[in-house]
PDB file of all heavy atoms in Angstrom:
ATOM      1  N   PHE A   1      64.080  43.228 148.878  1.00  0.00           N
ATOM      2  CA  PHE A   1      62.804  43.483 148.437  1.00  0.00           C
ATOM      3  C   PHE A   1      62.634  42.984 146.934  1.00  0.00           C
ATOM      4  O   PHE A   1      63.639  42.887 146.175  1.00  0.00           O
ATOM      5  CB  PHE A   1      62.429  44.974 148.421  1.00  0.00           C
ATOM      6  CG  PHE A   1      62.445  45.511 149.782  1.00  0.00           C
ATOM      7  CD1 PHE A   1      63.543  46.181 150.307  1.00  0.00           C
ATOM      8  CD2 PHE A   1      61.266  45.509 150.551  1.00  0.00           C
ATOM      9  CE1 PHE A   1      63.521  46.676 151.614  1.00  0.00           C
ATOM     10  CE2 PHE A   1      61.243  46.046 151.873  1.00  0.00           C
ATOM     11  CZ  PHE A   1      62.373  46.560 152.394  1.00  0.00           C
ATOM     12  N   GLU A   2      61.412  42.622 146.486  1.00  0.00           N
ATOM     13  CA  GLU A   2      61.262  42.146 145.133  1.00  0.00           C
ATOM     14  C   GLU A   2      60.284  43.158 144.415  1.00  0.00           C
ATOM     15  O   GLU A   2      59.480  43.728 144.968  1.00  0.00           O
ATOM     16  CB  GLU A   2      60.549  40.747 145.150  1.00  0.00           C
ATOM     17  CG  GLU A   2      61.408  39.714 145.752  1.00  0.00           C
ATOM     18  CD  GLU A   2      60.906  38.303 145.601  1.00  0.00           C
ATOM     19  OE1 GLU A   2      59.811  38.210 145.035  1.00  0.00           O
ATOM     20  OE2 GLU A   2      61.549  37.385 146.077  1.00  0.00           O
ATOM     21  N   GLY A   3      60.562  43.200 143.070  1.00  0.00           N
ATOM     22  CA  GLY A   3      59.690  43.924 142.151  1.00  0.00           C
ATOM     23  C   GLY A   3      59.260  43.173 140.953  1.00  0.00           C
ATOM     24  O   GLY A   3      59.908  42.204 140.605  1.00  0.00           O
ATOM     25  N   SER A   4      58.322  43.652 140.324  1.00  0.00           N
ATOM     26  CA  SER A   4      57.756  42.909 139.174  1.00  0.00           C
ATOM     27  C   SER A   4      58.446  43.218 137.849  1.00  0.00           C
ATOM     28  O   SER A   4      58.372  42.422 136.906  1.00  0.00           O
ATOM     29  CB  SER A   4      56.288  43.153 139.000  1.00  0.00           C
ATOM     30  OG  SER A   4      55.964  44.589 138.790  1.00  0.00           O
ATOM     31  N   SER A   5      59.145  44.386 137.770  1.00  0.00           N
ATOM     32  CA  SER A   5      59.852  44.706 136.513  1.00  0.00           C
ATOM     33  C   SER A   5      61.005  45.590 136.929  1.00  0.00           C
ATOM     34  O   SER A   5      61.101  46.220 138.040  1.00  0.00           O
ATOM     35  CB  SER A   5      58.937  45.502 135.562  1.00  0.00           C
ATOM     36  OG  SER A   5      58.648  46.815 136.093  1.00  0.00           O
ATOM     37  N   LEU A   6      61.962  45.693 135.943  1.00  0.00           N
ATOM     38  CA  LEU A   6      63.179  46.529 136.201  1.00  0.00           C
ATOM     39  C   LEU A   6      62.798  47.996 136.334  1.00  0.00           C
ATOM     40  O   LEU A   6      63.376  48.740 137.087  1.00  0.00           O
ATOM     41  CB  LEU A   6      64.124  46.424 135.018  1.00  0.00           C
ATOM     42  CG  LEU A   6      64.992  45.054 135.030  1.00  0.00           C
ATOM     43  CD1 LEU A   6      65.887  45.036 133.750  1.00  0.00           C
ATOM     44  CD2 LEU A   6      65.880  44.949 136.216  1.00  0.00           C
ATOM     45  N   GLU A   7      61.743  48.431 135.592  1.00  0.00           N
ATOM     46  CA  GLU A   7      61.332  49.827 135.680  1.00  0.00           C
ATOM     47  C   GLU A   7      60.833  50.156 137.118  1.00  0.00           C
ATOM     48  O   GLU A   7      61.109  51.165 137.635  1.00  0.00           O
ATOM     49  CB  GLU A   7      60.245  50.113 134.583  1.00  0.00           C
ATOM     50  CG  GLU A   7      60.645  50.098 133.206  1.00  0.00           C
ATOM     51  CD  GLU A   7      60.855  48.753 132.627  1.00  0.00           C
ATOM     52  OE1 GLU A   7      60.614  47.745 133.271  1.00  0.00           O
ATOM     53  OE2 GLU A   7      61.335  48.612 131.444  1.00  0.00           O
ATOM     54  N   THR A   8      60.006  49.231 137.647  1.00  0.00           N
ATOM     55  CA  THR A   8      59.489  49.352 138.965  1.00  0.00           C
ATOM     56  C   THR A   8      60.610  49.456 139.962  1.00  0.00           C
ATOM     57  O   THR A   8      60.624  50.301 140.870  1.00  0.00           O
ATOM     58  CB  THR A   8      58.489  48.269 139.338  1.00  0.00           C
ATOM     59  OG1 THR A   8      57.423  48.221 138.404  1.00  0.00           O
ATOM     60  CG2 THR A   8      57.958  48.394 140.746  1.00  0.00           C
ATOM     61  N   ILE A   9      61.522  48.502 139.860  1.00  0.00           N
ATOM     62  CA  ILE A   9      62.708  48.452 140.757  1.00  0.00           C
ATOM     63  C   ILE A   9      63.485  49.749 140.765  1.00  0.00           C
ATOM     64  O   ILE A   9      63.850  50.277 141.756  1.00  0.00           O
ATOM     65  CB  ILE A   9      63.537  47.239 140.491  1.00  0.00           C
ATOM     66  CG1 ILE A   9      62.771  46.015 140.984  1.00  0.00           C
ATOM     67  CG2 ILE A   9      64.828  47.343 141.248  1.00  0.00           C
ATOM     68  CD1 ILE A   9      63.506  44.723 140.667  1.00  0.00           C
ATOM     69  N   THR A  10      63.787  50.243 139.533  1.00  0.00           N
ATOM     70  CA  THR A  10      64.625  51.466 139.443  1.00  0.00           C
ATOM     71  C   THR A  10      63.901  52.640 139.981  1.00  0.00           C
ATOM     72  O   THR A  10      64.584  53.547 140.643  1.00  0.00           O
ATOM     73  CB  THR A  10      65.077  51.777 138.019  1.00  0.00           C
ATOM     74  OG1 THR A  10      63.941  51.808 137.166  1.00  0.00           O
ATOM     75  CG2 THR A  10      66.076  50.713 137.568  1.00  0.00           C
ATOM     76  N   HIS A  11      62.486  52.743 139.895  1.00  0.00           N
ATOM     77  CA  HIS A  11      61.809  53.765 140.525  1.00  0.00           C
ATOM     78  C   HIS A  11      61.884  53.735 142.069  1.00  0.00           C
ATOM     79  O   HIS A  11      62.061  54.677 142.824  1.00  0.00           O
ATOM     80  CB  HIS A  11      60.360  53.746 140.156  1.00  0.00           C
ATOM     81  CG  HIS A  11      60.061  54.197 138.714  1.00  0.00           C
ATOM     82  ND1 HIS A  11      60.464  55.430 138.280  1.00  0.00           N
ATOM     83  CD2 HIS A  11      59.328  53.641 137.807  1.00  0.00           C
ATOM     84  CE1 HIS A  11      60.164  55.559 137.053  1.00  0.00           C
ATOM     85  NE2 HIS A  11      59.466  54.456 136.609  1.00  0.00           N
ATOM     86  N   MET A  12      61.940  52.453 142.564  1.00  0.00           N
ATOM     87  CA  MET A  12      62.104  52.204 144.026  1.00  0.00           C
ATOM     88  C   MET A  12      63.482  52.603 144.536  1.00  0.00           C
ATOM     89  O   MET A  12      63.666  53.210 145.538  1.00  0.00           O
ATOM     90  CB  MET A  12      61.807  50.776 144.421  1.00  0.00           C
ATOM     91  CG  MET A  12      60.320  50.364 144.174  1.00  0.00           C
ATOM     92  SD  MET A  12      60.132  48.515 144.252  1.00  0.00           S
ATOM     93  CE  MET A  12      60.529  48.271 145.986  1.00  0.00           C
ATOM     94  N   VAL A  13      64.433  52.379 143.702  1.00  0.00           N
ATOM     95  CA  VAL A  13      65.847  52.784 143.901  1.00  0.00           C
ATOM     96  C   VAL A  13      65.888  54.305 143.950  1.00  0.00           C
ATOM     97  O   VAL A  13      66.455  54.901 144.960  1.00  0.00           O
ATOM     98  CB  VAL A  13      66.838  52.245 142.909  1.00  0.00           C
ATOM     99  CG1 VAL A  13      68.246  52.786 143.080  1.00  0.00           C
ATOM    100  CG2 VAL A  13      66.890  50.671 143.056  1.00  0.00           C
ATOM    101  N   ALA A  14      65.320  55.020 142.944  1.00  0.00           N
ATOM    102  CA  ALA A  14      65.353  56.429 142.964  1.00  0.00           C
ATOM    103  C   ALA A  14      64.744  57.011 144.162  1.00  0.00           C
ATOM    104  O   ALA A  14      65.203  58.125 144.599  1.00  0.00           O
ATOM    105  CB  ALA A  14      64.631  56.925 141.648  1.00  0.00           C
ATOM    106  N   SER A  15      63.755  56.371 144.774  1.00  0.00           N
ATOM    107  CA  SER A  15      63.065  56.935 145.890  1.00  0.00           C
ATOM    108  C   SER A  15      63.813  56.625 147.187  1.00  0.00           C
ATOM    109  O   SER A  15      63.369  57.077 148.301  1.00  0.00           O
ATOM    110  CB  SER A  15      61.603  56.324 145.975  1.00  0.00           C
ATOM    111  OG  SER A  15      61.678  54.983 146.275  1.00  0.00           O
ATOM    112  N   GLY A  16      64.921  55.915 147.156  1.00  0.00           N
ATOM    113  CA  GLY A  16      65.743  55.695 148.261  1.00  0.00           C
ATOM    114  C   GLY A  16      65.508  54.370 148.948  1.00  0.00           C
ATOM    115  O   GLY A  16      66.009  54.157 150.092  1.00  0.00           O
ATOM    116  N   MET A  17      64.838  53.416 148.374  1.00  0.00           N
ATOM    117  CA  MET A  17      64.543  52.191 149.003  1.00  0.00           C
ATOM    118  C   MET A  17      65.758  51.261 149.131  1.00  0.00           C
ATOM    119  O   MET A  17      65.799  50.307 149.921  1.00  0.00           O
ATOM    120  CB  MET A  17      63.459  51.411 148.170  1.00  0.00           C
ATOM    121  CG  MET A  17      62.081  51.962 148.385  1.00  0.00           C
ATOM    122  SD  MET A  17      61.346  51.561 150.003  1.00  0.00           S
ATOM    123  CE  MET A  17      61.189  49.816 149.833  1.00  0.00           C
ATOM    124  N   GLY A  18      66.732  51.403 148.222  1.00  0.00           N
ATOM    125  CA  GLY A  18      67.965  50.550 148.287  1.00  0.00           C
ATOM    126  C   GLY A  18      68.690  50.628 146.906  1.00  0.00           C
ATOM    127  O   GLY A  18      68.545  51.624 146.248  1.00  0.00           O
ATOM    128  N   VAL A  19      69.432  49.626 146.602  1.00  0.00           N
ATOM    129  CA  VAL A  19      70.164  49.555 145.376  1.00  0.00           C
ATOM    130  C   VAL A  19      69.763  48.340 144.583  1.00  0.00           C
ATOM    131  O   VAL A  19      69.116  47.468 145.116  1.00  0.00           O
ATOM    132  CB  VAL A  19      71.674  49.627 145.622  1.00  0.00           C
ATOM    133  CG1 VAL A  19      72.161  50.742 146.372  1.00  0.00           C
ATOM    134  CG2 VAL A  19      72.148  48.225 146.313  1.00  0.00           C
ATOM    135  N   THR A  20      70.094  48.304 143.315  1.00  0.00           N
ATOM    136  CA  THR A  20      69.917  47.084 142.532  1.00  0.00           C
ATOM    137  C   THR A  20      70.874  46.931 141.442  1.00  0.00           C
ATOM    138  O   THR A  20      71.732  47.781 141.292  1.00  0.00           O
ATOM    139  CB  THR A  20      68.409  47.182 141.873  1.00  0.00           C
ATOM    140  OG1 THR A  20      68.112  45.948 141.298  1.00  0.00           O
ATOM    141  CG2 THR A  20      68.415  48.230 140.662  1.00  0.00           C
ATOM    142  N   VAL A  21      70.818  45.866 140.715  1.00  0.00           N
ATOM    143  CA  VAL A  21      71.703  45.559 139.576  1.00  0.00           C
ATOM    144  C   VAL A  21      70.889  45.483 138.351  1.00  0.00           C
ATOM    145  O   VAL A  21      69.788  44.823 138.373  1.00  0.00           O
ATOM    146  CB  VAL A  21      72.471  44.266 139.818  1.00  0.00           C
ATOM    147  CG1 VAL A  21      73.409  43.836 138.596  1.00  0.00           C
ATOM    148  CG2 VAL A  21      73.400  44.347 141.037  1.00  0.00           C
ATOM    149  N   VAL A  22      71.254  46.034 137.223  1.00  0.00           N
ATOM    150  CA  VAL A  22      70.461  46.067 135.939  1.00  0.00           C
ATOM    151  C   VAL A  22      71.294  45.685 134.817  1.00  0.00           C
ATOM    152  O   VAL A  22      72.651  45.834 134.923  1.00  0.00           O
ATOM    153  CB  VAL A  22      69.863  47.448 135.708  1.00  0.00           C
ATOM    154  CG1 VAL A  22      68.915  47.863 136.898  1.00  0.00           C
ATOM    155  CG2 VAL A  22      70.899  48.502 135.559  1.00  0.00           C
ATOM    156  N   PRO A  23      70.815  45.231 133.715  1.00  0.00           N
ATOM    157  CA  PRO A  23      71.550  44.909 132.471  1.00  0.00           C
ATOM    158  C   PRO A  23      72.000  46.205 131.829  1.00  0.00           C
ATOM    159  O   PRO A  23      71.273  47.236 131.894  1.00  0.00           O
ATOM    160  CB  PRO A  23      70.616  44.082 131.661  1.00  0.00           C
ATOM    161  CG  PRO A  23      69.292  44.498 132.125  1.00  0.00           C
ATOM    162  CD  PRO A  23      69.363  44.828 133.550  1.00  0.00           C
ATOM    163  N   GLY A  24      73.067  46.233 131.166  1.00  0.00           N
ATOM    164  CA  GLY A  24      73.660  47.468 130.616  1.00  0.00           C
ATOM    165  C   GLY A  24      72.781  48.131 129.648  1.00  0.00           C
ATOM    166  O   GLY A  24      72.759  49.425 129.624  1.00  0.00           O
ATOM    167  N   LEU A  25      71.951  47.436 128.847  1.00  0.00           N
ATOM    168  CA  LEU A  25      71.194  48.129 127.815  1.00  0.00           C
ATOM    169  C   LEU A  25      69.989  48.843 128.452  1.00  0.00           C
ATOM    170  O   LEU A  25      69.420  49.742 127.859  1.00  0.00           O
ATOM    171  CB  LEU A  25      70.569  47.051 126.779  1.00  0.00           C
ATOM    172  CG  LEU A  25      71.585  46.613 125.798  1.00  0.00           C
ATOM    173  CD1 LEU A  25      70.842  45.667 124.781  1.00  0.00           C
ATOM    174  CD2 LEU A  25      72.145  47.851 124.967  1.00  0.00           C
ATOM    175  N   SER A  26      69.761  48.614 129.774  1.00  0.00           N
ATOM    176  CA  SER A  26      68.581  49.248 130.406  1.00  0.00           C
ATOM    177  C   SER A  26      68.980  50.628 130.950  1.00  0.00           C
ATOM    178  O   SER A  26      68.084  51.375 131.397  1.00  0.00           O
ATOM    179  CB  SER A  26      68.036  48.411 131.501  1.00  0.00           C
ATOM    180  OG  SER A  26      68.931  48.421 132.599  1.00  0.00           O
ATOM    181  N   VAL A  27      70.248  50.930 130.933  1.00  0.00           N
ATOM    182  CA  VAL A  27      70.749  52.232 131.433  1.00  0.00           C
ATOM    183  C   VAL A  27      70.314  53.365 130.505  1.00  0.00           C
ATOM    184  O   VAL A  27      70.651  53.342 129.283  1.00  0.00           O
ATOM    185  CB  VAL A  27      72.240  52.225 131.673  1.00  0.00           C
ATOM    186  CG1 VAL A  27      72.826  53.589 132.180  1.00  0.00           C
ATOM    187  CG2 VAL A  27      72.641  51.128 132.660  1.00  0.00           C
ATOM    188  N   PRO A  28      69.559  54.361 130.971  1.00  0.00           N
ATOM    189  CA  PRO A  28      69.113  55.456 130.018  1.00  0.00           C
ATOM    190  C   PRO A  28      70.290  56.295 129.491  1.00  0.00           C
ATOM    191  O   PRO A  28      71.355  56.412 130.101  1.00  0.00           O
ATOM    192  CB  PRO A  28      68.284  56.300 130.901  1.00  0.00           C
ATOM    193  CG  PRO A  28      67.936  55.499 132.132  1.00  0.00           C
ATOM    194  CD  PRO A  28      69.066  54.491 132.307  1.00  0.00           C
ATOM    195  N   ALA A  29      70.086  56.669 128.254  1.00  0.00           N
ATOM    196  CA  ALA A  29      71.221  57.529 127.715  1.00  0.00           C
ATOM    197  C   ALA A  29      71.391  58.843 128.352  1.00  0.00           C
ATOM    198  O   ALA A  29      72.496  59.427 128.429  1.00  0.00           O
ATOM    199  CB  ALA A  29      70.911  57.689 126.168  1.00  0.00           C
ATOM    200  N   GLU A  30      70.198  59.469 128.786  1.00  0.00           N
ATOM    201  CA  GLU A  30      70.257  60.739 129.498  1.00  0.00           C
ATOM    202  C   GLU A  30      70.466  60.599 131.018  1.00  0.00           C
ATOM    203  O   GLU A  30      69.990  59.690 131.580  1.00  0.00           O
ATOM    204  CB  GLU A  30      68.923  61.415 129.267  1.00  0.00           C
ATOM    205  CG  GLU A  30      68.665  61.733 127.682  1.00  0.00           C
ATOM    206  CD  GLU A  30      69.719  62.636 127.136  1.00  0.00           C
ATOM    207  OE1 GLU A  30      70.153  63.567 127.804  1.00  0.00           O
ATOM    208  OE2 GLU A  30      70.040  62.435 125.963  1.00  0.00           O
ATOM    209  N   PRO A  31      71.252  61.538 131.657  1.00  0.00           N
ATOM    210  CA  PRO A  31      71.367  61.497 133.049  1.00  0.00           C
ATOM    211  C   PRO A  31      70.031  61.523 133.728  1.00  0.00           C
ATOM    212  O   PRO A  31      69.173  62.214 133.324  1.00  0.00           O
ATOM    213  CB  PRO A  31      72.221  62.799 133.257  1.00  0.00           C
ATOM    214  CG  PRO A  31      72.846  63.059 132.058  1.00  0.00           C
ATOM    215  CD  PRO A  31      71.891  62.640 131.029  1.00  0.00           C
ATOM    216  N   GLN A  32      69.932  60.824 134.884  1.00  0.00           N
ATOM    217  CA  GLN A  32      68.746  60.780 135.670  1.00  0.00           C
ATOM    218  C   GLN A  32      68.901  61.641 136.962  1.00  0.00           C
ATOM    219  O   GLN A  32      69.904  61.623 137.573  1.00  0.00           O
ATOM    220  CB  GLN A  32      68.400  59.416 136.097  1.00  0.00           C
ATOM    221  CG  GLN A  32      68.312  58.385 134.892  1.00  0.00           C
ATOM    222  CD  GLN A  32      67.082  58.715 134.037  1.00  0.00           C
ATOM    223  OE1 GLN A  32      65.920  58.671 134.385  1.00  0.00           O
ATOM    224  NE2 GLN A  32      67.360  59.157 132.768  1.00  0.00           N
ATOM    225  N   THR A  33      67.767  62.414 137.247  1.00  0.00           N
ATOM    226  CA  THR A  33      67.923  63.361 138.411  1.00  0.00           C
ATOM    227  C   THR A  33      68.196  62.579 139.709  1.00  0.00           C
ATOM    228  O   THR A  33      68.982  63.103 140.535  1.00  0.00           O
ATOM    229  CB  THR A  33      66.644  64.164 138.523  1.00  0.00           C
ATOM    230  OG1 THR A  33      66.351  64.765 137.297  1.00  0.00           O
ATOM    231  CG2 THR A  33      66.631  65.229 139.584  1.00  0.00           C
ATOM    232  N   HIS A  34      67.406  61.576 139.965  1.00  0.00           N
ATOM    233  CA  HIS A  34      67.430  60.963 141.367  1.00  0.00           C
ATOM    234  C   HIS A  34      68.142  59.546 141.234  1.00  0.00           C
ATOM    235  O   HIS A  34      68.091  58.829 142.301  1.00  0.00           O
ATOM    236  CB  HIS A  34      65.996  60.753 141.830  1.00  0.00           C
ATOM    237  CG  HIS A  34      65.277  62.119 142.005  1.00  0.00           C
ATOM    238  ND1 HIS A  34      65.612  63.093 142.801  1.00  0.00           N
ATOM    239  CD2 HIS A  34      64.198  62.555 141.239  1.00  0.00           C
ATOM    240  CE1 HIS A  34      64.817  64.009 142.620  1.00  0.00           C
ATOM    241  NE2 HIS A  34      63.988  63.799 141.700  1.00  0.00           N
ATOM    242  N   LEU A  35      68.735  59.230 140.157  1.00  0.00           N
ATOM    243  CA  LEU A  35      69.283  57.855 139.972  1.00  0.00           C
ATOM    244  C   LEU A  35      70.691  57.963 139.449  1.00  0.00           C
ATOM    245  O   LEU A  35      71.041  58.799 138.563  1.00  0.00           O
ATOM    246  CB  LEU A  35      68.356  57.065 139.183  1.00  0.00           C
ATOM    247  CG  LEU A  35      68.425  55.576 139.092  1.00  0.00           C
ATOM    248  CD1 LEU A  35      68.100  55.011 140.516  1.00  0.00           C
ATOM    249  CD2 LEU A  35      67.373  55.088 138.132  1.00  0.00           C
ATOM    250  N   ARG A  36      71.539  57.060 139.935  1.00  0.00           N
ATOM    251  CA  ARG A  36      72.886  57.018 139.346  1.00  0.00           C
ATOM    252  C   ARG A  36      73.261  55.499 138.971  1.00  0.00           C
ATOM    253  O   ARG A  36      72.828  54.589 139.679  1.00  0.00           O
ATOM    254  CB  ARG A  36      73.964  57.549 140.309  1.00  0.00           C
ATOM    255  CG  ARG A  36      73.789  58.956 140.797  1.00  0.00           C
ATOM    256  CD  ARG A  36      74.151  59.844 139.602  1.00  0.00           C
ATOM    257  NE  ARG A  36      74.098  61.242 140.001  1.00  0.00           N
ATOM    258  CZ  ARG A  36      72.975  61.943 139.955  1.00  0.00           C
ATOM    259  NH1 ARG A  36      71.819  61.511 139.513  1.00  0.00           N
ATOM    260  NH2 ARG A  36      72.952  63.289 140.323  1.00  0.00           N
ATOM    261  N   PHE A  37      74.000  55.343 137.860  1.00  0.00           N
ATOM    262  CA  PHE A  37      74.340  54.076 137.336  1.00  0.00           C
ATOM    263  C   PHE A  37      75.873  53.966 137.451  1.00  0.00           C
ATOM    264  O   PHE A  37      76.565  54.772 136.828  1.00  0.00           O
ATOM    265  CB  PHE A  37      73.879  53.762 135.951  1.00  0.00           C
ATOM    266  CG  PHE A  37      72.289  53.684 135.919  1.00  0.00           C
ATOM    267  CD1 PHE A  37      71.599  54.862 135.511  1.00  0.00           C
ATOM    268  CD2 PHE A  37      71.604  52.550 136.125  1.00  0.00           C
ATOM    269  CE1 PHE A  37      70.324  54.806 135.456  1.00  0.00           C
ATOM    270  CE2 PHE A  37      70.279  52.533 136.064  1.00  0.00           C
ATOM    271  CZ  PHE A  37      69.581  53.659 135.739  1.00  0.00           C
ATOM    272  N   ILE A  38      76.379  52.956 138.188  1.00  0.00           N
ATOM    273  CA  ILE A  38      77.813  52.791 138.463  1.00  0.00           C
ATOM    274  C   ILE A  38      78.307  51.433 137.941  1.00  0.00           C
ATOM    275  O   ILE A  38      77.700  50.420 138.263  1.00  0.00           O
ATOM    276  CB  ILE A  38      78.090  52.984 140.025  1.00  0.00           C
ATOM    277  CG1 ILE A  38      77.486  54.217 140.585  1.00  0.00           C
ATOM    278  CG2 ILE A  38      79.604  53.006 140.287  1.00  0.00           C
ATOM    279  CD1 ILE A  38      76.185  53.923 141.301  1.00  0.00           C
ATOM    280  N   PRO A  39      79.358  51.422 137.227  1.00  0.00           N
ATOM    281  CA  PRO A  39      79.931  50.200 136.658  1.00  0.00           C
ATOM    282  C   PRO A  39      80.452  49.257 137.879  1.00  0.00           C
ATOM    283  O   PRO A  39      80.837  49.893 138.891  1.00  0.00           O
ATOM    284  CB  PRO A  39      81.047  50.629 135.815  1.00  0.00           C
ATOM    285  CG  PRO A  39      80.869  52.109 135.451  1.00  0.00           C
ATOM    286  CD  PRO A  39      80.149  52.581 136.711  1.00  0.00           C
ATOM    287  N   PHE A  40      80.484  47.981 137.588  1.00  0.00           N
ATOM    288  CA  PHE A  40      81.168  47.102 138.540  1.00  0.00           C
ATOM    289  C   PHE A  40      82.709  47.227 138.286  1.00  0.00           C
ATOM    290  O   PHE A  40      83.177  47.447 137.214  1.00  0.00           O
ATOM    291  CB  PHE A  40      80.740  45.688 138.195  1.00  0.00           C
ATOM    292  CG  PHE A  40      79.526  45.218 138.875  1.00  0.00           C
ATOM    293  CD1 PHE A  40      78.269  45.302 138.326  1.00  0.00           C
ATOM    294  CD2 PHE A  40      79.590  44.605 140.134  1.00  0.00           C
ATOM    295  CE1 PHE A  40      77.155  44.917 139.021  1.00  0.00           C
ATOM    296  CE2 PHE A  40      78.441  44.171 140.840  1.00  0.00           C
ATOM    297  CZ  PHE A  40      77.225  44.373 140.228  1.00  0.00           C
ATOM    298  N   ALA A  41      83.428  47.003 139.435  1.00  0.00           N
ATOM    299  CA  ALA A  41      84.873  46.823 139.325  1.00  0.00           C
ATOM    300  C   ALA A  41      85.176  45.391 138.693  1.00  0.00           C
ATOM    301  O   ALA A  41      84.376  44.520 138.824  1.00  0.00           O
ATOM    302  CB  ALA A  41      85.507  46.972 140.632  1.00  0.00           C
ATOM    303  N   ALA A  42      86.294  45.323 138.025  1.00  0.00           N
ATOM    304  CA  ALA A  42      86.669  43.896 137.485  1.00  0.00           C
ATOM    305  C   ALA A  42      86.750  42.962 138.554  1.00  0.00           C
ATOM    306  O   ALA A  42      87.248  43.217 139.626  1.00  0.00           O
ATOM    307  CB  ALA A  42      87.918  44.150 136.599  1.00  0.00           C
ATOM    308  N   PRO A  43      86.336  41.675 138.294  1.00  0.00           N
ATOM    309  CA  PRO A  43      85.662  41.233 136.960  1.00  0.00           C
ATOM    310  C   PRO A  43      84.250  41.683 136.994  1.00  0.00           C
ATOM    311  O   PRO A  43      83.512  41.406 137.788  1.00  0.00           O
ATOM    312  CB  PRO A  43      85.892  39.689 137.145  1.00  0.00           C
ATOM    313  CG  PRO A  43      85.808  39.425 138.621  1.00  0.00           C
ATOM    314  CD  PRO A  43      86.561  40.554 139.245  1.00  0.00           C
ATOM    315  N   VAL A  44      83.863  42.192 135.802  1.00  0.00           N
ATOM    316  CA  VAL A  44      82.517  42.714 135.669  1.00  0.00           C
ATOM    317  C   VAL A  44      81.577  41.544 135.238  1.00  0.00           C
ATOM    318  O   VAL A  44      81.849  40.771 134.332  1.00  0.00           O
ATOM    319  CB  VAL A  44      82.475  43.763 134.482  1.00  0.00           C
ATOM    320  CG1 VAL A  44      81.067  44.248 134.218  1.00  0.00           C
ATOM    321  CG2 VAL A  44      83.445  44.918 134.809  1.00  0.00           C
ATOM    322  N   PRO A  45      80.555  41.389 136.075  1.00  0.00           N
ATOM    323  CA  PRO A  45      79.581  40.268 135.739  1.00  0.00           C
ATOM    324  C   PRO A  45      78.789  40.632 134.495  1.00  0.00           C
ATOM    325  O   PRO A  45      78.484  41.793 134.226  1.00  0.00           O
ATOM    326  CB  PRO A  45      78.553  40.239 136.927  1.00  0.00           C
ATOM    327  CG  PRO A  45      78.746  41.514 137.573  1.00  0.00           C
ATOM    328  CD  PRO A  45      80.140  42.140 137.371  1.00  0.00           C
ATOM    329  N   THR A  46      78.542  39.621 133.635  1.00  0.00           N
ATOM    330  CA  THR A  46      77.820  39.835 132.382  1.00  0.00           C
ATOM    331  C   THR A  46      76.855  38.615 132.164  1.00  0.00           C
ATOM    332  O   THR A  46      76.855  37.677 132.872  1.00  0.00           O
ATOM    333  CB  THR A  46      78.782  39.834 131.186  1.00  0.00           C
ATOM    334  OG1 THR A  46      79.498  38.534 131.099  1.00  0.00           O
ATOM    335  CG2 THR A  46      79.838  40.905 131.310  1.00  0.00           C
ATOM    336  N   ARG A  47      76.025  38.866 131.077  1.00  0.00           N
ATOM    337  CA  ARG A  47      75.143  37.753 130.748  1.00  0.00           C
ATOM    338  C   ARG A  47      75.336  37.616 129.259  1.00  0.00           C
ATOM    339  O   ARG A  47      75.526  38.635 128.557  1.00  0.00           O
ATOM    340  CB  ARG A  47      73.670  38.016 131.096  1.00  0.00           C
ATOM    341  CG  ARG A  47      73.027  39.153 130.355  1.00  0.00           C
ATOM    342  CD  ARG A  47      71.522  39.171 130.702  1.00  0.00           C
ATOM    343  NE  ARG A  47      70.870  40.333 130.187  1.00  0.00           N
ATOM    344  CZ  ARG A  47      69.520  40.513 130.287  1.00  0.00           C
ATOM    345  NH1 ARG A  47      68.795  39.730 131.046  1.00  0.00           N
ATOM    346  NH2 ARG A  47      69.036  41.614 129.729  1.00  0.00           N
TER     347      ARG A  47
END
């Protein structure tokens, strides 16, 4: 599925639509109730 912004996509993920990949700086500092952020195993992709 496609979304117009990372914020929209993460809301869709939280609702159970699927998973996504996000840049590290977009990860909220506070824990999210319905969302989890998991690191990649090495080699970790970067930009």
